Amino acid sequence: MNSSIIIIGAGGHALSIANVADGSGMRVIAFVDDSKAGSKLLDIPIITTQQCYHNHKTANLTVAIGDNSVRERVSYEYKSALPNAKFPSLIHNSAVIGINTEVGEGTVVMPQVNVGPNCKVGNFCILNTSSSIDHECEMNAFSSIAPRVVTGGNVKIGIRSALSIGATVKHGVLIGDDVVIGANSYVNKQISSNVVANGSPCKFVRKRIKGDSYLA
């Protein structure tokens, strides 16, 4: 596989992704951000979307956008514009991936992450620093877990759902689609789709409105 990669985005999350790329043996050759094009990040050039489309048709790409819904939209835009590009999973060399576990394309696994055996991690997910999911868990596409999130086994996280910093999820709990779990929450029962929930134990706070931030 080509060992170079282009990062779509040039903000703080892009710095974290660059760190994972370096820790997985990939060399970052450009960032993409129309508002910052012509400058540099980490002494690496920042280019425009059109430059990426025209000059890097078969490149390895990764989407450095923390908001799950926006990451989904941008990934589809790039896959449509660059059908021959690749979106490899990026797994830091300090992460532990269990036996018989699947990690989808475009997913980023950051330093000190643990993924247990027989897990299924979908496309374009984020597993942030020092997080852990236990055996037979499922993260659906475009979902994310923040630093220090811990789940028991057989937990299911729905599409585009986000677990914020320090959240803990009990064994066997189902979290629906488009859910935001607040920081340091303890989730001990099923959470239905399209809600914000918080607390210890975790409780319904409000319904989510389309376009709401995924950061809580």
Protein backbone atom coordinates (compact mmCIF):
# COMPACT_ATOMS: atom_id res chain seq x y z
CA MET A 1 0.00 0.00 0.00
CA ASN A 2 1.17 3.54 -0.75
CA SER A 3 2.57 4.90 2.53
CA SER A 4 1.55 8.53 1.90
CA ILE A 5 -1.79 10.05 2.90
CA ILE A 6 -3.73 13.32 2.57
CA ILE A 7 -5.74 14.62 5.52
CA ILE A 8 -9.04 16.36 4.74
CA GLY A 9 -9.20 19.14 7.31
CA ALA A 10 -6.58 21.31 8.97
CA GLY A 11 -7.86 21.99 12.47
CA GLY A 12 -7.09 20.47 15.86
CA HIS A 13 -8.56 17.09 14.98
CA ALA A 14 -6.33 17.01 11.89
CA LEU A 15 -3.30 17.29 14.18
CA SER A 16 -4.50 14.24 16.09
CA ILE A 17 -5.06 12.35 12.84
CA ALA A 18 -1.57 13.30 11.65
CA ASN A 19 -0.18 11.84 14.88
CA VAL A 20 -2.04 8.57 14.25
CA ALA A 21 -0.87 8.48 10.63
CA ASP A 22 2.72 8.87 11.78
CA GLY A 23 2.20 6.18 14.41
CA SER A 24 0.82 3.79 11.79
CA GLY A 25 3.65 4.24 9.30
CA MET A 26 1.91 6.68 6.96
CA ARG A 27 3.51 9.93 5.72
CA VAL A 28 1.20 12.96 5.54
CA ILE A 29 1.85 14.85 2.29
CA ALA A 30 -0.92 17.47 2.46
CA PHE A 31 -3.88 18.81 4.41
CA VAL A 32 -7.03 20.04 2.65
CA ASP A 33 -8.75 23.22 3.83
CA ASP A 34 -9.99 25.90 1.44
CA SER A 35 -9.86 28.61 4.11
CA LYS A 36 -6.22 27.91 5.00
CA ALA A 37 -4.85 26.92 1.58
CA GLY A 38 -1.39 28.24 0.80
CA SER A 39 -0.21 28.00 4.39
CA LYS A 40 1.27 25.02 6.25
CA LEU A 41 0.46 22.82 9.21
CA LEU A 42 3.27 20.81 10.80
CA ASP A 43 5.36 22.24 7.95
CA ILE A 44 3.13 20.31 5.51
CA PRO A 45 1.28 22.23 2.77
CA ILE A 46 -2.44 22.95 3.01
CA ILE A 47 -4.19 22.66 -0.36
CA THR A 48 -7.68 23.39 -1.70
CA THR A 49 -10.41 20.85 -2.32
CA GLN A 50 -10.07 21.40 -6.08
CA GLN A 51 -6.30 20.83 -5.93
CA CYS A 52 -6.97 17.55 -4.15
CA TYR A 53 -9.58 16.55 -6.74
CA HIS A 54 -7.33 17.43 -9.70
CA ASN A 55 -3.94 16.22 -8.48
CA HIS A 56 -4.61 13.28 -6.15
CA LYS A 57 -7.16 11.07 -7.90
CA THR A 58 -5.74 7.81 -6.54
CA ALA A 59 -4.40 9.03 -3.19
CA ASN A 60 -4.92 7.64 0.28
CA LEU A 61 -7.27 10.03 2.08
CA THR A 62 -8.60 10.40 5.62
CA VAL A 63 -11.34 12.73 6.87
CA ALA A 64 -10.28 14.74 9.93
CA ILE A 65 -13.68 16.08 10.98
CA GLY A 66 -14.91 15.38 14.49
CA ASP A 67 -18.62 16.06 13.92
CA ASN A 68 -20.09 12.71 12.89
CA SER A 69 -22.73 14.03 10.50
CA VAL A 70 -20.32 16.43 8.76
CA ARG A 71 -17.71 13.65 8.47
CA GLU A 72 -20.34 11.47 6.79
CA ARG A 73 -21.26 14.18 4.29
CA VAL A 74 -17.66 15.05 3.44
CA SER A 75 -16.64 11.40 3.05
CA TYR A 76 -19.45 10.84 0.54
CA GLU A 77 -18.48 14.00 -1.36
CA TYR A 78 -14.85 12.83 -1.70
CA LYS A 79 -15.78 9.23 -2.55
CA SER A 80 -18.03 10.54 -5.30
CA ALA A 81 -15.46 13.01 -6.68
CA LEU A 82 -12.51 10.58 -6.38
CA PRO A 83 -13.82 7.06 -7.03
CA ASN A 84 -10.28 5.66 -7.34
CA ALA A 85 -9.03 7.14 -4.07
CA LYS A 86 -8.53 4.93 -1.00
CA PHE A 87 -9.69 5.56 2.57
CA PRO A 88 -7.54 3.23 4.68
CA SER A 89 -8.19 2.69 8.35
CA LEU A 90 -5.53 4.36 10.49
CA ILE A 91 -4.52 2.45 13.60
CA HIS A 92 -1.84 3.85 15.92
CA ASN A 93 0.88 1.36 16.72
CA SER A 94 0.10 1.57 20.45
CA ALA A 95 -3.51 0.45 19.97
CA VAL A 96 -4.60 -3.14 20.64
CA ILE A 97 -7.01 -4.76 18.18
CA GLY A 98 -8.53 -8.05 19.33
CA ILE A 99 -8.67 -11.27 17.36
CA ASN A 100 -11.41 -11.62 14.73
CA THR A 101 -12.18 -7.89 14.93
CA GLU A 102 -13.10 -5.87 11.84
CA VAL A 103 -12.17 -2.21 11.40
CA GLY A 104 -13.84 -0.40 8.51
CA GLU A 105 -12.39 1.96 5.92
CA GLY A 106 -11.71 5.53 6.97
CA THR A 107 -11.82 4.66 10.66
CA VAL A 108 -9.19 6.15 12.98
CA VAL A 109 -7.96 4.31 16.08
CA MET A 110 -5.91 6.63 18.26
CA PRO A 111 -3.10 5.94 20.78
CA GLN A 112 -3.67 3.51 23.65
CA VAL A 113 -7.06 2.34 22.39
CA ASN A 114 -8.25 -1.18 23.16
CA VAL A 115 -10.70 -2.98 20.88
CA GLY A 116 -11.72 -6.40 22.15
CA PRO A 117 -12.13 -9.63 20.17
CA ASN A 118 -15.03 -10.25 17.77
CA CYS A 119 -15.86 -6.55 17.48
CA LYS A 120 -17.19 -4.84 14.37
CA VAL A 121 -16.13 -1.22 13.88
CA GLY A 122 -17.81 0.39 10.88
CA ASN A 123 -16.57 2.86 8.29
CA PHE A 124 -15.33 6.34 9.20
CA CYS A 125 -15.56 5.87 12.97
CA ILE A 126 -13.35 7.59 15.55
CA LEU A 127 -11.95 5.73 18.56
CA ASN A 128 -10.19 8.41 20.54
CA THR A 129 -7.20 8.27 22.87
CA SER A 130 -7.28 5.70 25.71
CA SER A 131 -10.81 4.53 24.92
CA SER A 132 -11.82 0.88 25.18
CA ILE A 133 -14.59 -1.30 23.80
CA ASP A 134 -14.79 -4.87 25.06
CA HIS A 135 -15.58 -8.15 23.30
CA GLU A 136 -18.29 -8.44 20.63
CA CYS A 137 -19.10 -4.75 20.50
CA GLU A 138 -20.44 -3.04 17.40
CA MET A 139 -19.79 0.55 16.36
CA ASN A 140 -21.84 1.51 13.34
CA ALA A 141 -20.56 3.81 10.60
CA PHE A 142 -19.65 7.40 11.45
CA SER A 143 -19.99 6.84 15.20
CA SER A 144 -17.36 8.08 17.64
CA ILE A 145 -16.07 7.52 21.15
CA ALA A 146 -14.11 10.25 22.89
CA PRO A 147 -11.00 9.93 25.10
CA ARG A 148 -11.37 7.53 28.05
CA VAL A 149 -14.73 6.10 26.97
CA VAL A 150 -15.10 2.53 28.25
CA THR A 151 -17.73 -0.03 27.29
CA GLY A 152 -18.44 -3.53 28.47
CA GLY A 153 -18.92 -6.37 26.01
CA ASN A 154 -21.81 -6.77 23.55
CA VAL A 155 -22.48 -3.04 23.39
CA LYS A 156 -23.97 -1.64 20.18
CA ILE A 157 -23.44 2.01 19.16
CA GLY A 158 -25.73 3.26 16.41
CA ILE A 159 -24.84 5.14 13.25
CA ARG A 160 -23.48 8.66 13.82
CA SER A 161 -23.78 8.35 17.61
CA ALA A 162 -21.19 10.02 19.83
CA LEU A 163 -20.03 9.10 23.33
CA SER A 164 -18.35 12.05 25.02
CA ILE A 165 -15.22 12.12 27.21
CA GLY A 166 -15.12 9.61 30.03
CA ALA A 167 -18.51 7.96 29.39
CA THR A 168 -18.95 4.36 30.58
CA VAL A 169 -21.40 1.87 29.06
CA LYS A 170 -22.62 -1.25 30.84
CA HIS A 171 -22.28 -4.68 29.21
CA GLY A 172 -24.97 -5.45 26.63
CA VAL A 173 -26.45 -1.96 26.30
CA LEU A 174 -27.87 -0.76 22.97
CA ILE A 175 -27.35 2.89 22.01
CA GLY A 176 -29.49 4.01 19.08
CA ASP A 177 -28.67 6.11 16.02
CA ASP A 178 -27.79 9.82 16.17
CA VAL A 179 -27.38 9.81 19.94
CA VAL A 180 -25.10 12.06 22.00
CA ILE A 181 -24.03 10.74 25.41
CA GLY A 182 -22.67 13.46 27.71
CA ALA A 183 -19.23 13.46 29.33
CA ASN A 184 -18.65 11.15 32.32
CA SER A 185 -22.08 9.53 31.98
CA TYR A 186 -22.82 5.97 33.09
CA VAL A 187 -25.09 4.27 30.57
CA ASN A 188 -26.81 1.28 32.19
CA LYS A 189 -29.86 0.86 29.94
CA GLN A 190 -30.91 1.20 26.31
CA ILE A 191 -30.85 4.68 24.79
CA SER A 192 -33.31 5.32 21.96
CA SER A 193 -32.31 7.06 18.73
CA ASN A 194 -32.12 10.83 18.16
CA VAL A 195 -31.64 11.92 21.75
CA VAL A 196 -29.15 13.65 24.03
CA ALA A 197 -28.65 11.77 27.30
CA ASN A 198 -26.45 12.54 30.28
CA GLY A 199 -25.69 11.71 33.89
CA SER A 200 -24.92 8.79 36.18
CA PRO A 201 -27.09 6.88 35.62
CA CYS A 202 -27.59 8.28 32.13
CA LYS A 203 -31.01 9.82 31.49
CA PHE A 204 -32.87 11.43 28.60
CA VAL A 205 -32.20 15.17 28.34
CA ARG A 206 -33.88 16.16 25.09
CA LYS A 207 -34.54 15.12 21.53
CA ARG A 208 -31.81 15.92 19.03
CA ILE A 209 -32.58 18.23 16.15
CA LYS A 210 -30.98 17.54 12.78
CA GLY A 211 -27.82 19.62 12.51
CA ASP A 212 -27.16 19.78 16.26
CA SER A 213 -23.52 19.53 17.31
CA TYR A 214 -22.24 16.08 18.20
CA LEU A 215 -20.04 17.48 20.95
CA ALA A 216 -21.54 17.40 24.46
